[in-house]
Amino acid sequence: MPTYACNKCGMSVNASCGECDKPLVNDVLTKGDGSTVQVSKCPEGHGKIKSPMCCGEDMSCSI
């Protein structure tokens, strides 16, 4: 399961889909203005969420 970790304090979380229980995968969403947002999405297409945040920053995933 992917672990999202805070680069500042070391806090970490595991994320899985509530619909199918598969681990969420790290992805990037490109907005209309060209800027990007880190998201976590279900590999089965059940949706996506903004990636977890800690210490005011997106938590990163090593996958």
Foldseek 3Di string as FASTA:
>chain_A
DWWFADPPPGDIDWDADPVPRHGWDWDWDQDPVRDIFIWTHHPVGPGIDGADDDPRDHTDTPD
